[in-house]
Amino acid sequence: MIGQIVEASAEIEAPAERVYGIVADYRVGHPRIIPRSFFDGIEVEEGGYGAGTRIRVGVHLAGRKSSFRADVTEPEPGRVLVETDVTGGPVTTFTVDPLGPARCRMTISTRLLRRGRPAGWLERWFMTRLLRRVYAEELELLAAVAAEGSGTVETSAQ
């Protein structure tokens, strides 16, 4: 059952193509923008750029380490990239909207599942607060990497 959506956006001083290229590049670009305070890294199991990529992400929260696997799709190549947990868990979407030749808006959005148990509301409250912190840090890192001009700029046709 679908629960709530948690999202955050930021305007980034870089062309939309550069920003999307960083996010879609799971070998070099994307690992540079994940907050180390929450993630242990990204392992590419298949692919590596955009659609057809499968990743394993190490997570550490509240003193616990775990990992999840996700498949990457591109419903709108060059604009929308989606990571879908292979176990049917959360779905995270990255959307880049151009705001001019050298500026764009990045939105990160996660659809959380609604849990049926009584403590589900507490879990959703905690995850909402946590994800907002993660996304704020991730968007800051993305802006910094994009400003370097050294992020991977590719197209999903590769």
Protein backbone atom coordinates (compact mmCIF):
# COMPACT_ATOMS: atom_id res chain seq x y z
CA MET A 1 0.00 0.00 0.00
CA ILE A 2 1.35 3.44 -0.91
CA GLY A 3 2.02 5.79 1.97
CA GLN A 4 3.38 9.27 1.92
CA ILE A 5 5.81 11.09 -0.33
CA VAL A 6 8.84 12.92 1.03
CA GLU A 7 10.58 15.37 -1.27
CA ALA A 8 13.06 18.20 -1.39
CA SER A 9 14.13 20.55 -4.18
CA ALA A 10 16.93 23.00 -4.82
CA GLU A 11 17.98 25.30 -7.60
CA ILE A 12 21.45 24.45 -8.87
CA GLU A 13 23.79 26.76 -10.75
CA ALA A 14 24.67 24.34 -13.53
CA PRO A 15 23.14 23.16 -16.80
CA ALA A 16 20.42 20.52 -16.42
CA GLU A 17 22.43 18.12 -18.61
CA ARG A 18 25.42 18.27 -16.26
CA VAL A 19 23.30 17.76 -13.16
CA TYR A 20 21.43 14.82 -14.69
CA GLY A 21 24.72 13.32 -15.85
CA ILE A 22 26.08 13.36 -12.31
CA VAL A 23 22.96 11.71 -10.87
CA ALA A 24 22.75 9.06 -13.62
CA ASP A 25 26.44 8.09 -13.36
CA TYR A 26 26.47 5.43 -10.63
CA ARG A 27 30.18 4.69 -10.98
CA VAL A 28 31.62 8.19 -10.48
CA GLY A 29 29.02 10.97 -10.21
CA HIS A 30 26.30 9.60 -7.95
CA PRO A 31 28.69 8.19 -5.33
CA ARG A 32 30.07 11.73 -4.89
CA ILE A 33 26.66 13.15 -3.90
CA ILE A 34 25.47 10.60 -1.34
CA PRO A 35 25.89 11.87 2.23
CA ARG A 36 28.55 9.80 4.01
CA SER A 37 26.81 10.47 7.30
CA PHE A 38 24.01 8.13 6.15
CA PHE A 39 25.46 5.93 3.39
CA ASP A 40 28.44 3.59 3.12
CA GLY A 41 28.59 3.79 -0.66
CA ILE A 42 27.13 2.47 -3.87
CA GLU A 43 28.12 -0.80 -5.50
CA VAL A 44 27.15 -1.16 -9.16
CA GLU A 45 25.95 -4.71 -9.82
CA GLU A 46 24.86 -4.15 -13.44
CA GLY A 47 25.11 -1.28 -15.90
CA GLY A 48 26.44 1.88 -14.35
CA TYR A 49 24.75 4.74 -16.18
CA GLY A 50 21.01 5.38 -16.11
CA ALA A 51 18.43 2.81 -17.16
CA GLY A 52 19.41 -0.82 -16.72
CA THR A 53 21.64 -0.13 -13.73
CA ARG A 54 21.27 -2.22 -10.58
CA ILE A 55 22.87 -0.91 -7.41
CA ARG A 56 23.46 -2.01 -3.84
CA VAL A 57 23.57 0.84 -1.36
CA GLY A 58 25.05 0.56 2.12
CA VAL A 59 23.11 2.45 4.78
CA HIS A 60 23.89 3.22 8.40
CA LEU A 61 21.13 4.63 10.59
CA ALA A 62 20.71 4.74 14.34
CA GLY A 63 23.83 2.65 14.86
CA ARG A 64 22.69 -0.10 12.47
CA LYS A 65 24.19 -1.04 9.13
CA SER A 66 22.13 -2.49 6.34
CA SER A 67 21.85 -2.33 2.58
CA PHE A 68 19.25 -2.30 -0.14
CA ARG A 69 19.26 -3.07 -3.83
CA ALA A 70 17.54 -0.95 -6.45
CA ASP A 71 16.92 -1.01 -10.17
CA VAL A 72 17.27 2.21 -12.14
CA THR A 73 14.89 3.30 -14.88
CA GLU A 74 14.57 6.50 -16.89
CA PRO A 75 10.89 7.24 -17.61
CA GLU A 76 12.02 10.54 -19.19
CA PRO A 77 15.69 10.13 -20.21
CA GLY A 78 17.70 13.24 -19.42
CA ARG A 79 15.04 14.54 -17.02
CA VAL A 80 13.63 11.80 -14.72
CA LEU A 81 15.55 8.92 -13.15
CA VAL A 82 13.91 6.40 -10.78
CA GLU A 83 15.47 4.01 -8.25
CA THR A 84 13.09 1.20 -7.28
CA ASP A 85 13.89 -1.01 -4.31
CA VAL A 86 13.94 -4.59 -5.66
CA THR A 87 12.03 -5.88 -2.61
CA GLY A 88 9.05 -3.64 -3.33
CA GLY A 89 10.11 -1.00 -0.83
CA PRO A 90 10.54 2.74 -1.38
CA VAL A 91 10.80 4.33 -4.82
CA THR A 92 13.04 7.38 -5.19
CA THR A 93 12.72 9.74 -8.15
CA PHE A 94 15.25 12.36 -9.28
CA THR A 95 13.76 15.06 -11.54
CA VAL A 96 15.80 17.78 -13.22
CA ASP A 97 13.99 20.79 -14.66
CA PRO A 98 15.98 23.35 -16.67
CA LEU A 99 15.56 26.97 -15.54
CA GLY A 100 17.78 28.41 -18.26
CA PRO A 101 21.02 27.48 -19.99
CA ALA A 102 23.09 27.33 -16.78
CA ARG A 103 20.56 26.71 -14.01
CA CYS A 104 18.13 23.95 -13.07
CA ARG A 105 15.92 22.66 -10.29
CA MET A 106 16.60 19.19 -8.88
CA THR A 107 13.83 17.44 -6.97
CA ILE A 108 14.41 14.24 -5.01
CA SER A 109 11.23 12.44 -4.03
CA THR A 110 10.66 9.14 -2.21
CA ARG A 111 7.37 7.27 -2.01
CA LEU A 112 7.24 5.42 1.31
CA LEU A 113 5.04 2.40 1.90
CA ARG A 114 2.32 2.60 4.50
CA ARG A 115 2.79 0.05 7.24
CA GLY A 116 -0.29 -1.52 8.82
CA ARG A 117 1.00 -1.87 12.33
CA PRO A 118 0.09 0.64 15.05
CA ALA A 119 3.63 2.03 15.24
CA GLY A 120 3.56 2.83 11.52
CA TRP A 121 2.83 6.52 12.10
CA LEU A 122 5.95 6.83 14.27
CA GLU A 123 8.06 5.11 11.63
CA ARG A 124 6.69 7.45 8.90
CA TRP A 125 7.34 10.50 11.09
CA PHE A 126 10.94 9.40 11.73
CA MET A 127 11.59 8.52 8.06
CA THR A 128 10.14 11.84 6.87
CA ARG A 129 12.43 13.83 9.16
CA LEU A 130 15.42 11.67 8.29
CA LEU A 131 14.90 11.80 4.52
CA ARG A 132 14.52 15.58 4.58
CA ARG A 133 17.95 15.81 6.25
CA VAL A 134 19.46 13.33 3.78
CA TYR A 135 18.05 15.18 0.78
CA ALA A 136 19.18 18.59 2.02
CA GLU A 137 22.75 17.28 2.32
CA GLU A 138 22.55 15.40 -0.99
CA LEU A 139 21.35 18.52 -2.83
CA GLU A 140 24.21 20.55 -1.33
CA LEU A 141 26.72 17.94 -2.45
CA LEU A 142 25.17 17.81 -5.92
CA ALA A 143 25.42 21.60 -6.26
CA ALA A 144 29.09 21.48 -5.23
CA VAL A 145 29.97 18.66 -7.64
CA ALA A 146 28.07 20.36 -10.49
CA ALA A 147 29.87 23.65 -9.77
CA GLU A 148 33.22 21.90 -10.22
CA GLY A 149 32.29 21.21 -13.81
CA SER A 150 34.01 17.85 -13.46
CA GLY A 151 30.90 15.73 -13.10
CA THR A 152 30.19 13.18 -15.78
CA VAL A 153 28.05 14.62 -18.55
CA GLU A 154 26.59 11.83 -20.62
CA THR A 155 23.31 10.93 -22.20
CA SER A 156 21.15 7.97 -21.36
CA ALA A 157 21.72 6.63 -24.88
CA GLN A 158 25.04 5.16 -23.81
